[in-house]
Amino acid sequence: MNRAAYLLKLSRPRFWIYLAGPVLVGAVFGASSPLDLLSAPILALFAFFLLPANVLIYGVNDVFDADVDRANPKKDDREARYTGQRSVVVAVVASGLLGLALVPLLPAGALVWIAAFYTLGIGYSTPPARFKTTPVLDSISNGLYFTPGAAAYVALAGSQPPALAVVGAWFWTMGMHTFSAIPDIEPDREAGIRTTATVLGERRTYAYCLACWALAALAFGALDVRLGALFLVYPALVAAIATATVDVSRAYWWFPAINSVVGALFTMGGLWTLVYG
C-alpha cells in the first residue's frame, strides 16, 4: 500500500464524521445567521477535524498500540496496522502542528476546547497518562469527540455551550467509546490491557452503555424534549443488540451510519431554528 493510501486508511474514514460532525452541530447552534456557517473559523475547524485531527489521534493510537494490535483482527482488513513506518510518525506530528493554525482564528474560550482535544486525544494513548488503560477514565476521556463542537459553538456564539448540552454530549461519547471497545475485549485481555469493557465483560458493558446513553438522552431532553426523543435511539439500539443474536463485531460497524443520521437530524433541527426562528 502506498503511503497516502495507508495514511488514509489509518485515519479511519468511516469515523471522520465523529470529529467533523460536531463542528457542524456546534456551528449551527452557535450561529446568529446562516452566513456565520461559512466564516473562516468554522471552515478552518471543519477542515482540521475532518482529516488532520483524525490522522493525529488514530496515528498516535496505532503507534503506541503496535504490540497490542498484532493480535487485533480489526487490523487485518478494516484498519491499517502500524509496523514502524517513519512516515506515520512524520504525518502524525505534522497533523498535530496544523492545529496551531486555529489559534489566531479562535477566541480564548474556544481555544480551551482545542487544548482539551489535544490533551485528551494524545493522553488517551500515550504514557504516562494512557487513559485507555484505566477503566472508567478510558470512557470519560472520550469526551474529546465533543470538543470540536464546543469550540465551534464558542467561536460563533461568543459564550460557552449550555451545561446540559456538555453533559449530554459527554455521556454520549462515553457510551459510544465503551460500546466500540466490546469487540476488543478478548484481544485486550490477551494483551493484558485493562479497560472498562474488559473489567465489566460483554453483558455488563452493554448495561453501562445503556446507562450512559440514557443519561445523555435525559440531559438533552431537559434542553429540548425533541432532542431527548432523538437520543433515545441509542439505549434502544444497545438493548436490542444485547438481546439479539447479532455479533457485536458486526453491529459496531453500523454505528457510523446511525450516528450520521442522528447527527444530520440534530443539525437540520438547528438549521430550521436558525433560518425560521
C-alpha atoms as a PDB file:
ATOM      1  CA  MET A   1       0.000   0.000   0.000  1.00  0.00           C
ATOM      2  CA  ASN A   2       1.436   3.418  -0.910  1.00  0.00           C
ATOM      3  CA  ARG A   3       1.929   5.970   1.832  1.00  0.00           C
ATOM      4  CA  ALA A   4      -1.053   8.178   1.010  1.00  0.00           C
ATOM      5  CA  ALA A   5      -3.457   5.221   0.881  1.00  0.00           C
ATOM      6  CA  TYR A   6      -2.019   3.840   4.108  1.00  0.00           C
ATOM      7  CA  LEU A   7      -2.427   7.152   5.946  1.00  0.00           C
ATOM      8  CA  LEU A   8      -5.955   7.472   4.630  1.00  0.00           C
ATOM      9  CA  LYS A   9      -6.830   4.046   5.998  1.00  0.00           C
ATOM     10  CA  LEU A  10      -5.055   4.827   9.264  1.00  0.00           C
ATOM     11  CA  SER A  11      -7.275   7.915   9.706  1.00  0.00           C
ATOM     12  CA  ARG A  12     -10.398   5.689   9.824  1.00  0.00           C
ATOM     13  CA  PRO A  13     -12.537   7.412   7.110  1.00  0.00           C
ATOM     14  CA  ARG A  14     -15.650   5.726   8.498  1.00  0.00           C
ATOM     15  CA  PHE A  15     -15.139   7.726  11.678  1.00  0.00           C
ATOM     16  CA  TRP A  16     -14.249  11.127  10.219  1.00  0.00           C
ATOM     17  CA  ILE A  17     -17.764  12.322  10.974  1.00  0.00           C
ATOM     18  CA  TYR A  18     -17.151  11.775  14.690  1.00  0.00           C
ATOM     19  CA  LEU A  19     -14.862  14.821  14.830  1.00  0.00           C
ATOM     20  CA  ALA A  20     -16.026  16.886  11.847  1.00  0.00           C
ATOM     21  CA  GLY A  21     -19.722  16.332  12.536  1.00  0.00           C
ATOM     22  CA  PRO A  22     -19.693  18.040  15.957  1.00  0.00           C
ATOM     23  CA  VAL A  23     -18.175  21.123  14.300  1.00  0.00           C
ATOM     24  CA  LEU A  24     -21.291  21.404  12.130  1.00  0.00           C
ATOM     25  CA  VAL A  25     -23.624  20.857  15.075  1.00  0.00           C
ATOM     26  CA  GLY A  26     -21.833  23.390  17.276  1.00  0.00           C
ATOM     27  CA  ALA A  27     -21.704  25.938  14.452  1.00  0.00           C
ATOM     28  CA  VAL A  28     -25.412  25.623  13.656  1.00  0.00           C
ATOM     29  CA  PHE A  29     -26.450  26.153  17.261  1.00  0.00           C
ATOM     30  CA  GLY A  30     -23.907  28.910  17.889  1.00  0.00           C
ATOM     31  CA  ALA A  31     -24.616  30.899  14.707  1.00  0.00           C
ATOM     32  CA  SER A  32     -26.778  34.005  14.618  1.00  0.00           C
ATOM     33  CA  SER A  33     -27.221  33.867  10.814  1.00  0.00           C
ATOM     34  CA  PRO A  34     -26.662  31.267   8.060  1.00  0.00           C
ATOM     35  CA  LEU A  35     -23.674  33.233   6.745  1.00  0.00           C
ATOM     36  CA  ASP A  36     -21.842  32.521  10.014  1.00  0.00           C
ATOM     37  CA  LEU A  37     -21.542  28.903   8.909  1.00  0.00           C
ATOM     38  CA  LEU A  38     -19.146  29.984   6.143  1.00  0.00           C
ATOM     39  CA  SER A  39     -16.942  32.082   8.390  1.00  0.00           C
ATOM     40  CA  ALA A  40     -13.190  31.468   8.457  1.00  0.00           C
ATOM     41  CA  PRO A  41     -13.116  29.946  11.976  1.00  0.00           C
ATOM     42  CA  ILE A  42     -15.780  27.355  11.117  1.00  0.00           C
ATOM     43  CA  LEU A  43     -14.233  26.419   7.771  1.00  0.00           C
ATOM     44  CA  ALA A  44     -10.834  26.049   9.442  1.00  0.00           C
ATOM     45  CA  LEU A  45     -12.257  23.948  12.279  1.00  0.00           C
ATOM     46  CA  PHE A  46     -14.098  21.678   9.858  1.00  0.00           C
ATOM     47  CA  ALA A  47     -11.016  21.216   7.657  1.00  0.00           C
ATOM     48  CA  PHE A  48      -8.783  20.385  10.614  1.00  0.00           C
ATOM     49  CA  PHE A  49     -11.177  17.982  12.298  1.00  0.00           C
ATOM     50  CA  LEU A  50     -12.138  16.246   9.061  1.00  0.00           C
ATOM     51  CA  LEU A  51      -8.708  14.758   8.317  1.00  0.00           C
ATOM     52  CA  PRO A  52      -5.609  16.072  10.173  1.00  0.00           C
ATOM     53  CA  ALA A  53      -7.166  15.574  13.612  1.00  0.00           C
ATOM     54  CA  ASN A  54      -8.089  12.001  12.713  1.00  0.00           C
ATOM     55  CA  VAL A  55      -4.585  11.254  11.482  1.00  0.00           C
ATOM     56  CA  LEU A  56      -3.315  12.700  14.759  1.00  0.00           C
ATOM     57  CA  ILE A  57      -5.386  10.739  17.259  1.00  0.00           C
ATOM     58  CA  TYR A  58      -5.540   7.452  15.370  1.00  0.00           C
ATOM     59  CA  GLY A  59      -1.901   7.674  14.370  1.00  0.00           C
ATOM     60  CA  VAL A  60      -0.832   8.223  17.974  1.00  0.00           C
ATOM     61  CA  ASN A  61      -3.088   5.346  18.990  1.00  0.00           C
ATOM     62  CA  ASP A  62      -1.592   2.983  16.406  1.00  0.00           C
ATOM     63  CA  VAL A  63       1.998   3.889  17.205  1.00  0.00           C
ATOM     64  CA  PHE A  64       1.618   3.234  20.931  1.00  0.00           C
ATOM     65  CA  ASP A  65      -0.598   0.180  20.412  1.00  0.00           C
ATOM     66  CA  ALA A  66       1.631  -1.560  17.878  1.00  0.00           C
ATOM     67  CA  ASP A  67       2.300  -4.542  20.166  1.00  0.00           C
ATOM     68  CA  VAL A  68      -1.360  -4.959  21.113  1.00  0.00           C
ATOM     69  CA  ASP A  69      -2.579  -4.629  17.542  1.00  0.00           C
ATOM     70  CA  ARG A  70      -0.612  -7.647  16.372  1.00  0.00           C
ATOM     71  CA  ALA A  71      -3.467  -9.759  17.752  1.00  0.00           C
ATOM     72  CA  ASN A  72      -6.328  -7.414  16.817  1.00  0.00           C
ATOM     73  CA  PRO A  73      -8.390  -8.845  13.924  1.00  0.00           C
ATOM     74  CA  LYS A  74      -9.729  -5.377  13.011  1.00  0.00           C
ATOM     75  CA  LYS A  75      -6.245  -4.526  11.717  1.00  0.00           C
ATOM     76  CA  ASP A  76      -6.393  -7.297   9.134  1.00  0.00           C
ATOM     77  CA  ASP A  77      -8.967  -5.602   6.917  1.00  0.00           C
ATOM     78  CA  ARG A  78     -10.929  -2.720   8.457  1.00  0.00           C
ATOM     79  CA  GLU A  79      -7.985  -0.678   9.749  1.00  0.00           C
ATOM     80  CA  ALA A  80      -4.293  -0.191   8.987  1.00  0.00           C
ATOM     81  CA  ARG A  81      -1.673  -1.968  11.069  1.00  0.00           C
ATOM     82  CA  TYR A  82       1.321   0.181  12.074  1.00  0.00           C
ATOM     83  CA  THR A  83       4.619  -1.659  11.651  1.00  0.00           C
ATOM     84  CA  GLY A  84       7.142   1.047  12.455  1.00  0.00           C
ATOM     85  CA  GLN A  85       6.925   3.259   9.373  1.00  0.00           C
ATOM     86  CA  ARG A  86       8.725   6.566   9.940  1.00  0.00           C
ATOM     87  CA  SER A  87       6.315   8.295   7.559  1.00  0.00           C
ATOM     88  CA  VAL A  88       3.478   7.656  10.007  1.00  0.00           C
ATOM     89  CA  VAL A  89       5.284   9.475  12.808  1.00  0.00           C
ATOM     90  CA  VAL A  90       6.053  12.407  10.486  1.00  0.00           C
ATOM     91  CA  ALA A  91       2.420  12.590   9.349  1.00  0.00           C
ATOM     92  CA  VAL A  92       1.130  12.464  12.925  1.00  0.00           C
ATOM     93  CA  VAL A  93       3.427  15.276  14.080  1.00  0.00           C
ATOM     94  CA  ALA A  94       2.606  17.388  11.012  1.00  0.00           C
ATOM     95  CA  SER A  95      -1.124  16.872  11.564  1.00  0.00           C
ATOM     96  CA  GLY A  96      -0.797  17.971  15.163  1.00  0.00           C
ATOM     97  CA  LEU A  97       1.108  21.101  14.180  1.00  0.00           C
ATOM     98  CA  LEU A  98      -1.610  22.041  11.672  1.00  0.00           C
ATOM     99  CA  GLY A  99      -3.887  22.694  14.607  1.00  0.00           C
ATOM    100  CA  LEU A 100      -1.745  25.703  15.506  1.00  0.00           C
ATOM    101  CA  ALA A 101      -3.320  27.492  12.539  1.00  0.00           C
ATOM    102  CA  LEU A 102      -6.540  27.643  14.570  1.00  0.00           C
ATOM    103  CA  VAL A 103      -5.018  29.799  17.301  1.00  0.00           C
ATOM    104  CA  PRO A 104      -5.298  33.236  15.611  1.00  0.00           C
ATOM    105  CA  LEU A 105      -8.801  32.434  14.322  1.00  0.00           C
ATOM    106  CA  LEU A 106     -10.499  31.468  17.566  1.00  0.00           C
ATOM    107  CA  PRO A 107     -11.392  33.301  20.787  1.00  0.00           C
ATOM    108  CA  ALA A 108      -9.815  32.202  24.048  1.00  0.00           C
ATOM    109  CA  GLY A 109     -12.984  30.398  25.145  1.00  0.00           C
ATOM    110  CA  ALA A 110     -12.834  28.172  22.048  1.00  0.00           C
ATOM    111  CA  LEU A 111      -9.113  27.517  22.400  1.00  0.00           C
ATOM    112  CA  VAL A 112      -9.809  25.965  25.800  1.00  0.00           C
ATOM    113  CA  TRP A 113     -11.734  23.224  23.978  1.00  0.00           C
ATOM    114  CA  ILE A 114      -8.971  22.812  21.403  1.00  0.00           C
ATOM    115  CA  ALA A 115      -6.494  22.365  24.253  1.00  0.00           C
ATOM    116  CA  ALA A 116      -8.835  19.791  25.800  1.00  0.00           C
ATOM    117  CA  PHE A 117      -8.923  17.913  22.496  1.00  0.00           C
ATOM    118  CA  TYR A 118      -5.132  17.709  22.332  1.00  0.00           C
ATOM    119  CA  THR A 119      -4.806  16.761  25.997  1.00  0.00           C
ATOM    120  CA  LEU A 120      -7.408  14.002  25.864  1.00  0.00           C
ATOM    121  CA  GLY A 121      -6.681  12.848  22.313  1.00  0.00           C
ATOM    122  CA  ILE A 122      -2.944  12.408  22.854  1.00  0.00           C
ATOM    123  CA  GLY A 123      -3.150  11.417  26.504  1.00  0.00           C
ATOM    124  CA  TYR A 124      -5.611   8.653  25.635  1.00  0.00           C
ATOM    125  CA  SER A 125      -2.851   6.566  24.054  1.00  0.00           C
ATOM    126  CA  THR A 126       0.490   7.943  25.234  1.00  0.00           C
ATOM    127  CA  PRO A 127       2.243   7.248  28.531  1.00  0.00           C
ATOM    128  CA  PRO A 128       2.374   8.197  31.295  1.00  0.00           C
ATOM    129  CA  ALA A 129      -1.319   9.158  31.175  1.00  0.00           C
ATOM    130  CA  ARG A 130      -2.503   6.480  28.699  1.00  0.00           C
ATOM    131  CA  PHE A 131      -6.120   6.938  29.714  1.00  0.00           C
ATOM    132  CA  LYS A 132      -7.206   3.980  27.598  1.00  0.00           C
ATOM    133  CA  THR A 133      -5.678   1.521  30.077  1.00  0.00           C
ATOM    134  CA  THR A 134      -7.533   2.877  33.122  1.00  0.00           C
ATOM    135  CA  PRO A 135     -11.108   1.599  33.467  1.00  0.00           C
ATOM    136  CA  VAL A 136     -13.770   4.355  33.506  1.00  0.00           C
ATOM    137  CA  LEU A 137     -11.138   7.002  32.761  1.00  0.00           C
ATOM    138  CA  ASP A 138     -10.819   5.493  29.282  1.00  0.00           C
ATOM    139  CA  SER A 139     -14.528   6.141  28.825  1.00  0.00           C
ATOM    140  CA  ILE A 140     -14.574   9.635  30.346  1.00  0.00           C
ATOM    141  CA  SER A 141     -11.595  10.803  28.296  1.00  0.00           C
ATOM    142  CA  ASN A 142     -13.536  10.224  25.084  1.00  0.00           C
ATOM    143  CA  GLY A 143     -15.327  13.472  25.705  1.00  0.00           C
ATOM    144  CA  LEU A 144     -12.603  14.604  23.304  1.00  0.00           C
ATOM    145  CA  TYR A 145     -15.090  13.926  20.484  1.00  0.00           C
ATOM    146  CA  PHE A 146     -17.374  16.649  21.817  1.00  0.00           C
ATOM    147  CA  THR A 147     -14.658  19.310  21.991  1.00  0.00           C
ATOM    148  CA  PRO A 148     -14.726  20.311  18.271  1.00  0.00           C
ATOM    149  CA  GLY A 149     -18.428  21.114  18.558  1.00  0.00           C
ATOM    150  CA  ALA A 150     -17.910  23.156  21.703  1.00  0.00           C
ATOM    151  CA  ALA A 151     -15.101  25.115  20.029  1.00  0.00           C
ATOM    152  CA  ALA A 152     -17.312  25.862  17.003  1.00  0.00           C
ATOM    153  CA  TYR A 153     -20.175  26.962  19.243  1.00  0.00           C
ATOM    154  CA  VAL A 154     -17.982  29.366  21.220  1.00  0.00           C
ATOM    155  CA  ALA A 155     -16.389  30.721  18.029  1.00  0.00           C
ATOM    156  CA  LEU A 156     -19.796  31.918  16.822  1.00  0.00           C
ATOM    157  CA  ALA A 157     -21.863  32.438  19.973  1.00  0.00           C
ATOM    158  CA  GLY A 158     -19.123  34.112  21.995  1.00  0.00           C
ATOM    159  CA  SER A 159     -20.170  32.120  25.074  1.00  0.00           C
ATOM    160  CA  GLN A 160     -19.833  28.573  26.332  1.00  0.00           C
ATOM    161  CA  PRO A 161     -22.413  25.929  25.306  1.00  0.00           C
ATOM    162  CA  PRO A 162     -25.248  25.125  27.748  1.00  0.00           C
ATOM    163  CA  ALA A 163     -24.123  22.898  30.617  1.00  0.00           C
ATOM    164  CA  LEU A 164     -26.812  20.326  29.820  1.00  0.00           C
ATOM    165  CA  ALA A 165     -25.501  20.062  26.246  1.00  0.00           C
ATOM    166  CA  VAL A 166     -21.988  19.421  27.575  1.00  0.00           C
ATOM    167  CA  VAL A 167     -23.276  16.764  29.984  1.00  0.00           C
ATOM    168  CA  GLY A 168     -25.435  15.090  27.345  1.00  0.00           C
ATOM    169  CA  ALA A 169     -22.686  15.048  24.731  1.00  0.00           C
ATOM    170  CA  TRP A 170     -20.118  13.757  27.215  1.00  0.00           C
ATOM    171  CA  PHE A 171     -22.312  10.852  28.291  1.00  0.00           C
ATOM    172  CA  TRP A 172     -22.984  10.059  24.630  1.00  0.00           C
ATOM    173  CA  THR A 173     -19.242   9.853  23.891  1.00  0.00           C
ATOM    174  CA  MET A 174     -18.713   7.669  26.955  1.00  0.00           C
ATOM    175  CA  GLY A 175     -21.337   5.210  25.757  1.00  0.00           C
ATOM    176  CA  MET A 176     -20.058   5.216  22.195  1.00  0.00           C
ATOM    177  CA  HIS A 177     -16.465   4.624  23.235  1.00  0.00           C
ATOM    178  CA  THR A 178     -17.286   1.768  25.575  1.00  0.00           C
ATOM    179  CA  PHE A 179     -19.563   0.113  23.034  1.00  0.00           C
ATOM    180  CA  SER A 180     -16.759   0.291  20.471  1.00  0.00           C
ATOM    181  CA  ALA A 181     -14.445  -1.459  22.962  1.00  0.00           C
ATOM    182  CA  ILE A 182     -16.640  -4.574  23.191  1.00  0.00           C
ATOM    183  CA  PRO A 183     -15.164  -6.231  20.051  1.00  0.00           C
ATOM    184  CA  ASP A 184     -11.694  -5.651  21.546  1.00  0.00           C
ATOM    185  CA  ILE A 185     -12.389  -7.361  24.882  1.00  0.00           C
ATOM    186  CA  GLU A 186     -10.587 -10.618  24.063  1.00  0.00           C
ATOM    187  CA  PRO A 187      -7.576  -9.057  22.225  1.00  0.00           C
ATOM    188  CA  ASP A 188      -7.179  -6.545  25.062  1.00  0.00           C
ATOM    189  CA  ARG A 189      -7.360  -9.251  27.726  1.00  0.00           C
ATOM    190  CA  GLU A 190      -4.783 -11.329  25.870  1.00  0.00           C
ATOM    191  CA  ALA A 191      -2.514  -8.278  25.771  1.00  0.00           C
ATOM    192  CA  GLY A 192      -3.035  -7.585  29.479  1.00  0.00           C
ATOM    193  CA  ILE A 193      -4.819  -4.271  28.892  1.00  0.00           C
ATOM    194  CA  ARG A 194      -7.497  -3.256  31.394  1.00  0.00           C
ATOM    195  CA  THR A 195     -10.383  -1.192  30.050  1.00  0.00           C
ATOM    196  CA  THR A 196     -13.917  -0.523  31.207  1.00  0.00           C
ATOM    197  CA  ALA A 197     -15.081  -3.239  28.812  1.00  0.00           C
ATOM    198  CA  THR A 198     -12.523  -5.870  29.883  1.00  0.00           C
ATOM    199  CA  VAL A 199     -13.349  -5.311  33.556  1.00  0.00           C
ATOM    200  CA  LEU A 200     -17.116  -5.413  33.106  1.00  0.00           C
ATOM    201  CA  GLY A 201     -17.312  -8.128  30.476  1.00  0.00           C
ATOM    202  CA  GLU A 202     -19.630  -8.051  27.477  1.00  0.00           C
ATOM    203  CA  ARG A 203     -23.019  -8.262  29.210  1.00  0.00           C
ATOM    204  CA  ARG A 204     -22.336  -5.629  31.868  1.00  0.00           C
ATOM    205  CA  THR A 205     -20.688  -3.385  29.280  1.00  0.00           C
ATOM    206  CA  TYR A 206     -23.978  -3.359  27.399  1.00  0.00           C
ATOM    207  CA  ALA A 207     -25.660  -2.187  30.606  1.00  0.00           C
ATOM    208  CA  TYR A 208     -23.001   0.501  31.093  1.00  0.00           C
ATOM    209  CA  CYS A 209     -23.532   1.808  27.549  1.00  0.00           C
ATOM    210  CA  LEU A 210     -27.293   1.779  28.011  1.00  0.00           C
ATOM    211  CA  ALA A 211     -26.939   3.828  31.212  1.00  0.00           C
ATOM    212  CA  CYS A 212     -24.605   6.370  29.563  1.00  0.00           C
ATOM    213  CA  TRP A 213     -26.901   6.796  26.577  1.00  0.00           C
ATOM    214  CA  ALA A 214     -29.997   7.034  28.742  1.00  0.00           C
ATOM    215  CA  LEU A 215     -28.358   9.820  30.765  1.00  0.00           C
ATOM    216  CA  ALA A 216     -27.380  11.561  27.519  1.00  0.00           C
ATOM    217  CA  ALA A 217     -30.993  11.422  26.329  1.00  0.00           C
ATOM    218  CA  LEU A 218     -32.163  12.734  29.703  1.00  0.00           C
ATOM    219  CA  ALA A 219     -29.760  15.694  29.596  1.00  0.00           C
ATOM    220  CA  PHE A 220     -30.644  16.596  26.021  1.00  0.00           C
ATOM    221  CA  GLY A 221     -34.325  16.126  26.823  1.00  0.00           C
ATOM    222  CA  ALA A 222     -34.025  18.688  29.606  1.00  0.00           C
ATOM    223  CA  LEU A 223     -32.846  21.145  26.940  1.00  0.00           C
ATOM    224  CA  ASP A 224     -35.475  20.175  24.382  1.00  0.00           C
ATOM    225  CA  VAL A 225     -37.818  17.194  24.568  1.00  0.00           C
ATOM    226  CA  ARG A 226     -37.313  16.582  20.837  1.00  0.00           C
ATOM    227  CA  LEU A 227     -33.583  16.144  21.352  1.00  0.00           C
ATOM    228  CA  GLY A 228     -34.222  13.747  24.202  1.00  0.00           C
ATOM    229  CA  ALA A 229     -36.514  11.670  21.991  1.00  0.00           C
ATOM    230  CA  LEU A 230     -33.899  11.620  19.230  1.00  0.00           C
ATOM    231  CA  PHE A 231     -31.163  10.335  21.521  1.00  0.00           C
ATOM    232  CA  LEU A 232     -33.367   7.591  22.939  1.00  0.00           C
ATOM    233  CA  VAL A 233     -32.476   5.655  19.787  1.00  0.00           C
ATOM    234  CA  TYR A 234     -29.135   4.728  21.403  1.00  0.00           C
ATOM    235  CA  PRO A 235     -30.328   2.964  24.569  1.00  0.00           C
ATOM    236  CA  ALA A 236     -32.968   1.266  22.403  1.00  0.00           C
ATOM    237  CA  LEU A 237     -30.300   0.052  19.971  1.00  0.00           C
ATOM    238  CA  VAL A 238     -27.933  -1.288  22.597  1.00  0.00           C
ATOM    239  CA  ALA A 239     -30.809  -3.080  24.322  1.00  0.00           C
ATOM    240  CA  ALA A 240     -31.807  -4.656  21.003  1.00  0.00           C
ATOM    241  CA  ILE A 241     -28.224  -5.727  20.213  1.00  0.00           C
ATOM    242  CA  ALA A 242     -27.712  -7.164  23.705  1.00  0.00           C
ATOM    243  CA  THR A 243     -30.834  -9.300  23.477  1.00  0.00           C
ATOM    244  CA  ALA A 244     -30.495 -10.353  19.826  1.00  0.00           C
ATOM    245  CA  THR A 245     -28.187 -12.835  18.177  1.00  0.00           C
ATOM    246  CA  VAL A 246     -26.284 -10.117  16.280  1.00  0.00           C
ATOM    247  CA  ASP A 247     -22.497 -10.328  16.560  1.00  0.00           C
ATOM    248  CA  VAL A 248     -21.350  -7.120  18.255  1.00  0.00           C
ATOM    249  CA  SER A 249     -18.306  -7.013  15.950  1.00  0.00           C
ATOM    250  CA  ARG A 250     -20.746  -6.648  13.082  1.00  0.00           C
ATOM    251  CA  ALA A 251     -23.131  -4.249  14.860  1.00  0.00           C
ATOM    252  CA  TYR A 252     -20.198  -1.986  15.744  1.00  0.00           C
ATOM    253  CA  TRP A 253     -19.762  -1.098  12.063  1.00  0.00           C
ATOM    254  CA  TRP A 254     -23.379   0.047  11.766  1.00  0.00           C
ATOM    255  CA  PHE A 255     -22.815   2.991  14.064  1.00  0.00           C
ATOM    256  CA  PRO A 256     -21.016   5.390  11.699  1.00  0.00           C
ATOM    257  CA  ALA A 257     -24.173   5.341   9.550  1.00  0.00           C
ATOM    258  CA  ILE A 258     -26.500   5.526  12.567  1.00  0.00           C
ATOM    259  CA  ASN A 259     -24.535   8.404  14.071  1.00  0.00           C
ATOM    260  CA  SER A 260     -24.526  10.225  10.734  1.00  0.00           C
ATOM    261  CA  VAL A 261     -28.318  10.006  10.516  1.00  0.00           C
ATOM    262  CA  VAL A 262     -28.827  11.167  14.099  1.00  0.00           C
ATOM    263  CA  GLY A 263     -26.276  13.953  13.640  1.00  0.00           C
ATOM    264  CA  ALA A 264     -27.963  15.054  10.425  1.00  0.00           C
ATOM    265  CA  LEU A 265     -31.363  15.244  12.145  1.00  0.00           C
ATOM    266  CA  PHE A 266     -29.780  17.130  15.054  1.00  0.00           C
ATOM    267  CA  THR A 267     -28.148  19.581  12.631  1.00  0.00           C
ATOM    268  CA  MET A 268     -31.243  20.025  10.491  1.00  0.00           C
ATOM    269  CA  GLY A 269     -33.232  20.890  13.587  1.00  0.00           C
ATOM    270  CA  GLY A 270     -30.706  23.569  14.439  1.00  0.00           C
ATOM    271  CA  LEU A 271     -30.751  24.892  10.872  1.00  0.00           C
ATOM    272  CA  TRP A 272     -34.536  25.101  10.943  1.00  0.00           C
ATOM    273  CA  THR A 273     -34.378  27.187  14.113  1.00  0.00           C
ATOM    274  CA  LEU A 274     -31.586  29.348  12.688  1.00  0.00           C
ATOM    275  CA  VAL A 275     -33.462  30.128   9.469  1.00  0.00           C
ATOM    276  CA  TYR A 276     -37.072  30.202  10.618  1.00  0.00           C
ATOM    277  CA  GLY A 277     -36.721  31.066  14.293  1.00  0.00           C
END
